[in-house]
């Protein structure tokens, strides 16, 4: 069912960062992406570690997202990348979240504050 898609991925593309000459707008590049073999999974837990050369991001499912879990968090996906790609990914995520919050409101990441907001 999955098909190839064409997506704007300027913020996460590999290679040197090209800066346009002064006074000219930056051009967005379109890169064809084939996602037919991609595996999707849900994660509500993320752990970030690293070495001097690489960043390691683990994703998993926390069966008890409120409080300290009684069961271990099972890591289902691990992404290992260099810091340059991680920085481009950070920029792309920041832009995406900014657009989401502009449309739907600020995302509160502190679960305790979200729970208090529901009770009032």
Protein backbone atom coordinates (compact mmCIF):
# COMPACT_ATOMS: atom_id res chain seq x y z
CA UNK A 1 0.00 0.00 0.00
CA UNK A 2 2.87 2.34 0.63
CA UNK A 3 4.11 4.17 -2.40
CA UNK A 4 6.98 6.42 -3.31
CA UNK A 5 6.46 9.96 -2.24
CA UNK A 6 8.15 13.22 -3.01
CA UNK A 7 8.76 15.36 0.03
CA UNK A 8 10.54 18.61 0.78
CA UNK A 9 13.44 17.54 2.98
CA UNK A 10 15.82 20.47 2.73
CA UNK A 11 16.34 20.63 6.50
CA UNK A 12 17.58 17.03 6.75
CA UNK A 13 19.36 16.48 3.46
CA UNK A 14 22.99 15.35 3.63
CA UNK A 15 25.80 17.38 2.17
CA UNK A 16 27.22 20.86 2.55
CA UNK A 17 24.96 23.69 3.56
CA UNK A 18 24.65 25.90 0.49
CA UNK A 19 24.14 29.59 1.13
CA UNK A 20 22.71 31.65 -1.71
CA UNK A 21 24.43 34.86 -2.77
CA UNK A 22 23.38 37.92 -0.80
CA UNK A 23 20.00 39.28 -1.82
CA UNK A 24 18.81 36.02 -3.40
CA UNK A 25 16.24 33.81 -1.66
CA UNK A 26 17.17 30.26 -0.68
CA UNK A 27 15.78 27.65 -3.05
CA UNK A 28 14.06 24.57 -1.64
CA UNK A 29 15.22 21.30 -3.07
CA UNK A 30 12.86 18.43 -3.69
CA UNK A 31 14.18 14.95 -3.01
CA UNK A 32 12.32 11.80 -4.04
CA UNK A 33 11.80 9.45 -1.09
CA UNK A 34 10.86 5.77 -1.45
CA UNK A 35 9.22 4.61 1.76
CA UNK A 36 7.74 1.28 0.63
CA UNK A 37 10.03 -0.70 2.97
CA UNK A 38 9.69 1.61 5.96
CA UNK A 39 8.52 0.10 9.23
CA UNK A 40 6.27 2.24 11.43
CA UNK A 41 6.05 1.82 15.18
CA UNK A 42 4.65 3.89 18.03
CA UNK A 43 6.86 5.24 20.83
CA UNK A 44 6.03 7.20 23.96
CA UNK A 45 9.57 6.94 25.34
CA UNK A 46 12.85 8.30 24.00
CA UNK A 47 16.39 8.05 25.35
CA UNK A 48 19.32 9.96 23.82
CA UNK A 49 22.95 8.97 24.39
CA UNK A 50 26.06 9.48 22.36
CA UNK A 51 29.74 9.11 21.68
CA UNK A 52 32.10 11.80 20.41
CA UNK A 53 31.24 10.79 16.81
CA UNK A 54 27.64 9.57 16.93
CA UNK A 55 24.28 10.22 18.51
CA UNK A 56 22.17 7.25 19.60
CA UNK A 57 18.41 7.68 19.93
CA UNK A 58 16.37 4.80 21.37
CA UNK A 59 12.58 4.66 21.03
CA UNK A 60 10.28 2.41 22.98
CA UNK A 61 6.94 1.88 24.65
CA UNK A 62 6.53 2.82 28.30
CA UNK A 63 3.59 0.73 29.57
CA UNK A 64 3.10 3.14 32.49
CA UNK A 65 3.68 6.69 31.19
CA UNK A 66 2.61 8.35 34.49
CA UNK A 67 4.94 7.89 37.44
CA UNK A 68 7.80 5.41 37.64
CA UNK A 69 7.12 2.32 35.51
CA UNK A 70 6.82 -1.06 37.25
CA UNK A 71 7.82 -2.86 34.05
CA UNK A 72 10.90 -2.20 31.93
CA UNK A 73 10.56 0.07 28.92
CA UNK A 74 11.07 -2.08 25.83
CA UNK A 75 13.26 -0.37 23.23
CA UNK A 76 11.91 -1.22 19.78
CA UNK A 77 13.91 1.12 17.53
CA UNK A 78 17.43 2.56 17.69
CA UNK A 79 18.69 5.29 15.37
CA UNK A 80 22.43 5.92 15.23
CA UNK A 81 23.44 9.04 13.34
CA UNK A 82 26.19 11.63 13.16
CA UNK A 83 25.82 14.99 14.86
CA UNK A 84 25.46 16.88 11.57
CA UNK A 85 22.39 14.86 10.57
CA UNK A 86 21.07 15.11 14.13
CA UNK A 87 21.32 18.90 13.98
CA UNK A 88 19.45 19.00 10.66
CA UNK A 89 16.81 16.69 12.17
CA UNK A 90 16.53 18.96 15.23
CA UNK A 91 15.90 21.95 12.97
CA UNK A 92 13.25 20.08 10.97
CA UNK A 93 11.49 18.94 14.16
CA UNK A 94 11.57 22.46 15.64
CA UNK A 95 9.95 23.91 12.51
CA UNK A 96 7.31 21.18 12.44
CA UNK A 97 6.40 21.59 16.12
CA UNK A 98 6.34 25.39 15.77
CA UNK A 99 3.83 25.10 12.91
CA UNK A 100 1.71 22.63 14.90
CA UNK A 101 1.63 24.89 17.96
CA UNK A 102 0.71 27.90 15.84
CA UNK A 103 -2.26 25.95 14.50
CA UNK A 104 -3.35 24.01 17.61
CA UNK A 105 -1.81 25.66 20.68
CA UNK A 106 1.23 25.05 22.85
CA UNK A 107 2.15 21.43 23.63
CA UNK A 108 2.66 20.97 27.38
CA UNK A 109 5.27 18.24 27.90
CA UNK A 110 4.93 18.09 31.71
CA UNK A 111 2.28 15.41 32.33
CA UNK A 112 1.56 16.77 35.83
CA UNK A 113 0.64 20.20 34.41
CA UNK A 114 -1.60 18.56 31.83
CA UNK A 115 -3.37 16.52 34.53
CA UNK A 116 -3.90 19.63 36.71
CA UNK A 117 -5.35 21.45 33.71
CA UNK A 118 -7.92 18.68 33.22
CA UNK A 119 -9.12 18.76 36.82
CA UNK A 120 -9.97 22.47 36.78
